[in-house]
Amino acid sequence: MSVRLNSHLSDKQLAALKDKLLSEAERIRTNFQLKKHEYENNSLTGAKDEVDSANDNILLAADMRFSNRESLYYKKIMKTLSKVETDQYGMCDECGEPITFSRLIARPTSEMCILCKEESEREESQNFFERRSKSLGTVMSVTGH
C-alpha cells in the first residue's frame, strides 16, 4: 500500500487543481496558435512606411517578451502536471510541509508553502547585488560580474 504524499488534498481538490492547470495549458496553446496565425497574416501584408514598420517592430518585441513569459509558464504547468501524476504535488520543495489548497487554487504551480515563499522573497529583496531569477534559475548580477 502506497501512501499519497499529497494526502492533505482530497480527490475532488486534486481534480479541481488538475483541471485548472489543464485549462491554463490549453489557453496558452490557443494563444500561441492565434499569435502564429497573426504573424503569418502580418507577413503577407504589403509594403509599409518607416513609422508603421517601427511600430510593428515595437509591438513584435513586446509580443515576444510576453510569449517568452507564457512559454516559461507553460513549462512550469507541464512540470506541475507531472508532479500531480506522481503524487508529489502540493508539498513544499523547501520545508516538505503541505501547501494549502487555498494557495494552490490561487497559484496552482506553487512549489513552496506561503511561509517559505515569503522568506525566499525577503532574502531575494535584501540581496540587491545578486538577485536570482526564479523563472530562469540564474543569478542576475547588478555589478556586471
Protein backbone atom coordinates (compact mmCIF):
# COMPACT_ATOMS: atom_id res chain seq x y z
CA MET A 1 0.00 0.00 0.00
CA SER A 2 1.48 3.34 -1.05
CA VAL A 3 0.96 6.49 0.98
CA ARG A 4 -0.06 9.55 -1.00
CA LEU A 5 2.31 12.43 -0.28
CA ASN A 6 -0.37 15.00 -1.02
CA SER A 7 -2.95 13.26 1.17
CA HIS A 8 -3.89 16.64 2.65
CA LEU A 9 -5.73 17.27 -0.63
CA SER A 10 -8.95 15.44 -1.36
CA ASP A 11 -9.50 13.72 -4.69
CA LYS A 12 -12.01 16.47 -5.53
CA GLN A 13 -9.44 19.20 -4.73
CA LEU A 14 -6.77 17.43 -6.80
CA ALA A 15 -9.19 17.12 -9.71
CA ALA A 16 -10.08 20.83 -9.50
CA LEU A 17 -6.41 21.80 -9.44
CA LYS A 18 -5.56 19.50 -12.33
CA ASP A 19 -8.49 20.91 -14.34
CA LYS A 20 -7.24 24.42 -13.66
CA LEU A 21 -3.71 23.51 -14.80
CA LEU A 22 -5.01 21.81 -17.95
CA SER A 23 -7.22 24.81 -18.69
CA GLU A 24 -4.25 27.18 -18.35
CA ALA A 25 -2.12 24.98 -20.62
CA GLU A 26 -4.88 24.94 -23.23
CA ARG A 27 -5.27 28.73 -23.00
CA ILE A 28 -1.55 29.19 -23.65
CA ARG A 29 -1.54 26.72 -26.58
CA THR A 30 -4.53 28.51 -28.11
CA ASN A 31 -2.87 31.91 -27.70
CA PHE A 32 0.32 30.62 -29.35
CA GLN A 33 -1.71 29.33 -32.31
CA LEU A 34 -3.54 32.66 -32.62
CA LYS A 35 -0.25 34.60 -32.48
CA LYS A 36 1.31 32.29 -35.07
CA HIS A 37 -1.65 32.87 -37.38
CA GLU A 38 -1.47 36.62 -36.75
CA TYR A 39 2.27 36.75 -37.54
CA GLU A 40 1.73 34.76 -40.74
CA ASN A 41 -1.04 37.14 -41.84
CA ASN A 42 1.03 40.23 -40.99
CA SER A 43 3.97 38.97 -43.01
CA LEU A 44 1.70 38.78 -46.08
CA THR A 45 0.66 42.45 -45.94
CA GLY A 46 2.11 44.89 -48.43
CA ALA A 47 4.87 47.46 -48.09
CA LYS A 48 4.76 49.77 -45.09
CA ASP A 49 6.32 53.13 -44.41
CA GLU A 50 9.10 53.52 -41.82
CA VAL A 51 6.78 54.59 -39.00
CA ASP A 52 4.46 51.63 -39.49
CA SER A 53 7.43 49.27 -39.67
CA ALA A 54 8.96 50.73 -36.49
CA ASN A 55 5.62 50.47 -34.69
CA ASP A 56 5.25 46.86 -35.85
CA ASN A 57 8.76 46.09 -34.54
CA ILE A 58 7.94 47.58 -31.13
CA LEU A 59 4.72 45.58 -30.92
CA LEU A 60 6.51 42.42 -32.06
CA ALA A 61 9.20 42.85 -29.38
CA ALA A 62 6.54 43.25 -26.70
CA ASP A 63 4.67 40.21 -28.01
CA MET A 64 7.87 38.19 -27.99
CA ARG A 65 8.59 39.12 -24.36
CA PHE A 66 5.05 38.16 -23.39
CA SER A 67 5.29 34.92 -25.39
CA ASN A 68 8.55 34.07 -23.65
CA ARG A 69 6.91 34.52 -20.25
CA GLU A 70 3.96 32.42 -21.36
CA SER A 71 6.34 29.74 -22.63
CA LEU A 72 8.11 29.60 -19.27
CA TYR A 73 4.75 29.43 -17.50
CA TYR A 74 3.63 26.63 -19.85
CA LYS A 75 6.76 24.63 -18.98
CA LYS A 76 6.05 25.18 -15.29
CA ILE A 77 2.48 23.96 -15.79
CA MET A 78 3.74 20.81 -17.53
CA LYS A 79 6.22 20.18 -14.71
CA THR A 80 3.43 20.67 -12.17
CA LEU A 81 1.11 18.29 -14.03
CA SER A 82 3.79 15.61 -13.91
CA LYS A 83 4.03 16.15 -10.14
CA VAL A 84 0.26 15.67 -9.86
CA GLU A 85 0.61 12.31 -11.58
CA THR A 86 3.37 11.17 -9.18
CA ASP A 87 1.64 12.40 -6.00
CA GLN A 88 4.41 14.93 -5.26
CA TYR A 89 2.08 17.82 -5.93
CA GLY A 90 1.11 20.12 -3.08
CA MET A 91 4.19 19.62 -0.95
CA CYS A 92 6.64 22.49 -0.29
CA ASP A 93 10.01 22.00 -2.00
CA GLU A 94 11.74 23.85 0.84
CA CYS A 95 10.28 22.51 4.07
CA GLY A 96 8.34 19.46 2.89
CA GLU A 97 5.12 20.63 4.55
CA PRO A 98 1.79 20.60 2.70
CA ILE A 99 0.87 23.66 0.63
CA THR A 100 -2.65 24.78 1.49
CA PHE A 101 -5.44 24.25 -1.02
CA SER A 102 -6.26 27.97 -0.95
CA ARG A 103 -2.69 28.77 -2.05
CA LEU A 104 -2.75 26.10 -4.74
CA ILE A 105 -6.10 27.23 -6.12
CA ALA A 106 -4.76 30.81 -6.32
CA ARG A 107 -1.43 29.69 -7.83
CA PRO A 108 -1.61 26.06 -8.92
CA THR A 109 2.07 25.95 -9.92
CA SER A 110 3.23 26.84 -6.39
CA GLU A 111 6.27 24.87 -5.29
CA MET A 112 6.57 26.47 -1.86
CA CYS A 113 4.20 27.00 1.05
CA ILE A 114 3.40 30.62 1.79
CA LEU A 115 5.87 30.87 4.70
CA CYS A 116 8.81 29.57 2.65
CA LYS A 117 7.84 31.74 -0.34
CA GLU A 118 7.67 34.86 1.82
CA GLU A 119 11.08 34.03 3.32
CA SER A 120 12.52 33.43 -0.16
CA GLU A 121 11.18 36.78 -1.39
CA ARG A 122 12.55 38.55 1.70
CA GLU A 123 16.01 37.10 1.07
CA GLU A 124 15.80 38.00 -2.61
CA SER A 125 14.80 41.60 -1.90
CA GLN A 126 17.61 42.01 0.62
CA ASN A 127 20.27 40.71 -1.77
CA PHE A 128 20.28 43.55 -4.29
CA PHE A 129 23.59 42.71 -5.97
CA GLU A 130 22.96 39.07 -6.81
CA ARG A 131 19.28 38.55 -7.39
CA ARG A 132 18.24 35.11 -8.53
CA SER A 133 15.69 34.79 -11.28
CA LYS A 134 13.06 32.33 -10.06
CA SER A 135 11.93 31.72 -13.65
CA LEU A 136 15.35 31.21 -15.19
CA GLY A 137 17.20 29.87 -12.14
CA THR A 138 20.23 32.07 -12.75
CA VAL A 139 21.95 34.76 -10.74
CA MET A 140 21.49 38.23 -12.17
CA SER A 141 24.39 40.39 -11.10
CA VAL A 142 23.79 44.12 -10.94
CA THR A 143 27.53 44.81 -10.68
CA GLY A 144 28.23 43.26 -14.10
CA HIS A 145 30.45 40.46 -12.78
